[in-house]
């Protein structure tokens, strides 16, 4: 029996809760949000005072509990405390792995890797897509990663896919916001910060030692609109996005399209706009799809491609549950040796 504690009752945490309730081999031992926790999710809640208190309460449930972090909080210390007490952690939250290099090193050491035997983090880069595990397996079997090119933002993927079909950048941003693809403030997506965090995780997995501040990131928010209200931003974007519209038009004149990509090599990491052929793998992406193109010594002539939905509560929650089951199997196998 796999004993699971879920932290975060948002869209991903809620979807994971539904999945867990339908799996007889998984026993849900508790759920928590920012200030309350439930030992019985259908029963009354008790208050907790931050991550330190929550870690103490979870620790009382036993070291065989697997904790799933479905928050967007700065929870690295929470993960370190849990791992240090012998618990296993699965995270959909990329912030701990995209923090300082020293923190990443500690997480990887305590977790048996990142991803590791006690630390699951597959969903931090591509929702339910099998990216980090694939990269780890390639390297564990002696392959060398030469380059990772990736479209990792479903929001920016939708926006530039729409631009490629003739929509203006401002109209595409407004449509993405209307459909719920963006954060409440679309500038959080357009800044490229989320893509940079994912690029950092990929880079660290292939051996790069660097900080988030070392990555060159193209911020798509016009300078004049970086400090105004969200309403003012959306209203004024049509008059400030001329440069981006020209980039898209110029690319179209060459039968190309514009995509927002992360490129990771052993020497460099960059995040920003790339002009690609419209019939290329990245050019053919439609809407909020993600694509990872992995070129290695073994996959040099024909790079490995992983493509699919890179966002969505259900696919992300399914990826979290897959990590939970993997960690449970690892412990089970170890116990039977």
Foldseek 3Di string as FASTA:
>chain_A
DAEEEEEACPLQSVLLVVVQVPDPVYHYQKYYYQFWIDSPVVDDIDGADGLVRVLVVVVVVDQRYEYEYPDQDQCLVSLLSNLVSNHAYEYLHLNQCQAALVSVVSNQVSCCGAVHLRYHYQNVFFQQFRDLVVLLVCVVVPWAFFKKKKQGQLLQLQQQLVVLVPDASLVSLVVCVVVVSADPQNQVVQQCLSVLSSLSSVQVSNPDRDHSVQEAEDRQQQPVLPPDDSVVSSVCVVVRNPVVSVVQVVLVVVQWTKGFMWMHGNVHIYTGIDIDHCPDPSNVDHHRKMKMWIDIPVCPVPTDMIIDHRDDSNSNSVSSVVSSVSSVVSVVVVVVD
